[in-house]
């Protein structure tokens, strides 16, 4: 189920739906960068660095697990980021 957030100043409405899940699953860290989710980008980079330090298969495990975990959590993360920025959750906008 999609959620909609409206920016109070400009009236811009953004939709949080399955797109974020697919973007995180396939683009990973690049989606976090373009969505300006800096804290989560830092966590992602830290986990990958830990995987590099541990070496071997741990790098692959860390990258794969990050994609899967964030795919499950990204809609909640993006929605809370909008709310923290002062956006207001609204019903489905009229088209």
Protein backbone atom coordinates (compact mmCIF):
# COMPACT_ATOMS: atom_id res chain seq x y z
CA UNK A 1 0.00 0.00 0.00
CA UNK A 2 1.44 3.32 -1.05
CA UNK A 3 1.84 6.25 1.34
CA UNK A 4 1.86 9.88 0.21
CA UNK A 5 3.72 12.79 1.75
CA UNK A 6 3.20 16.47 1.00
CA UNK A 7 5.79 19.18 1.44
CA UNK A 8 4.10 22.03 3.34
CA UNK A 9 5.92 24.88 1.57
CA UNK A 10 5.60 23.89 -2.07
CA UNK A 11 2.81 21.38 -2.08
CA UNK A 12 4.97 18.71 -3.72
CA UNK A 13 3.59 15.22 -3.14
CA UNK A 14 5.89 12.20 -3.04
CA UNK A 15 4.80 8.57 -3.08
CA UNK A 16 6.42 5.85 -0.99
CA UNK A 17 5.66 2.47 -2.54
CA UNK A 18 7.28 -0.56 -4.11
CA UNK A 19 9.65 1.56 -6.19
CA UNK A 20 11.86 2.13 -3.16
CA UNK A 21 12.00 -1.61 -2.50
CA UNK A 22 13.11 -2.38 -6.06
CA UNK A 23 15.54 0.54 -6.13
CA UNK A 24 17.18 -0.63 -2.91
CA UNK A 25 17.26 -4.24 -4.02
CA UNK A 26 18.92 -3.50 -7.36
CA UNK A 27 20.75 -0.20 -6.81
CA UNK A 28 21.56 -0.43 -3.11
CA UNK A 29 23.94 2.25 -1.96
CA UNK A 30 23.25 4.43 -5.02
CA UNK A 31 19.58 4.72 -4.11
CA UNK A 32 20.48 5.73 -0.54
CA UNK A 33 22.77 8.43 -1.94
CA UNK A 34 20.20 9.90 -4.33
CA UNK A 35 17.43 9.68 -1.69
CA UNK A 36 19.73 11.62 0.66
CA UNK A 37 19.49 9.03 3.43
CA UNK A 38 22.93 9.90 4.79
CA UNK A 39 22.82 7.94 8.05
CA UNK A 40 21.81 4.76 6.24
CA UNK A 41 24.45 5.38 3.59
CA UNK A 42 27.04 5.57 6.36
CA UNK A 43 25.77 2.32 7.91
CA UNK A 44 25.91 0.64 4.50
CA UNK A 45 29.48 1.77 3.83
CA UNK A 46 30.53 0.75 7.36
CA UNK A 47 29.10 -2.75 6.94
CA UNK A 48 30.83 -3.18 3.58
CA UNK A 49 34.12 -1.95 5.07
CA UNK A 50 33.71 -4.49 7.86
CA UNK A 51 33.16 -7.17 5.22
CA UNK A 52 36.34 -6.08 3.42
CA UNK A 53 38.32 -6.19 6.66
CA UNK A 54 37.06 -9.68 7.48
CA UNK A 55 37.86 -10.73 3.92
CA UNK A 56 36.84 -13.74 1.95
CA UNK A 57 33.18 -14.61 1.73
CA UNK A 58 32.20 -12.05 4.38
CA UNK A 59 32.27 -9.26 1.82
CA UNK A 60 29.68 -11.05 -0.30
CA UNK A 61 27.59 -11.93 2.74
CA UNK A 62 27.57 -8.32 3.97
CA UNK A 63 26.60 -6.88 0.59
CA UNK A 64 23.88 -9.45 -0.07
CA UNK A 65 22.42 -9.16 3.43
CA UNK A 66 22.38 -5.35 3.21
CA UNK A 67 20.40 -5.45 -0.02
CA UNK A 68 17.85 -7.86 1.45
CA UNK A 69 17.51 -6.16 4.85
CA UNK A 70 17.16 -2.68 3.38
CA UNK A 71 14.65 -3.92 0.79
CA UNK A 72 12.40 -5.00 3.66
CA UNK A 73 12.89 -1.80 5.70
CA UNK A 74 13.25 0.97 3.11
CA UNK A 75 9.60 2.05 2.91
CA UNK A 76 9.50 2.69 6.65
CA UNK A 77 12.89 4.42 6.50
CA UNK A 78 11.85 6.75 3.65
CA UNK A 79 8.49 7.52 5.29
CA UNK A 80 10.15 8.46 8.58
CA UNK A 81 12.71 10.58 6.72
CA UNK A 82 9.90 12.58 5.11
CA UNK A 83 8.18 13.05 8.46
CA UNK A 84 11.43 14.22 10.10
CA UNK A 85 11.85 16.79 7.32
CA UNK A 86 8.44 18.23 8.18
CA UNK A 87 6.42 16.67 5.37
CA UNK A 88 2.82 15.75 6.14
CA UNK A 89 1.28 12.39 5.33
CA UNK A 90 -1.82 12.80 3.18
CA UNK A 91 -4.43 10.57 1.59
CA UNK A 92 -4.00 9.55 -2.03
CA UNK A 93 -3.85 12.78 -4.05
CA UNK A 94 -6.39 13.54 -6.75
CA UNK A 95 -4.96 13.08 -10.22
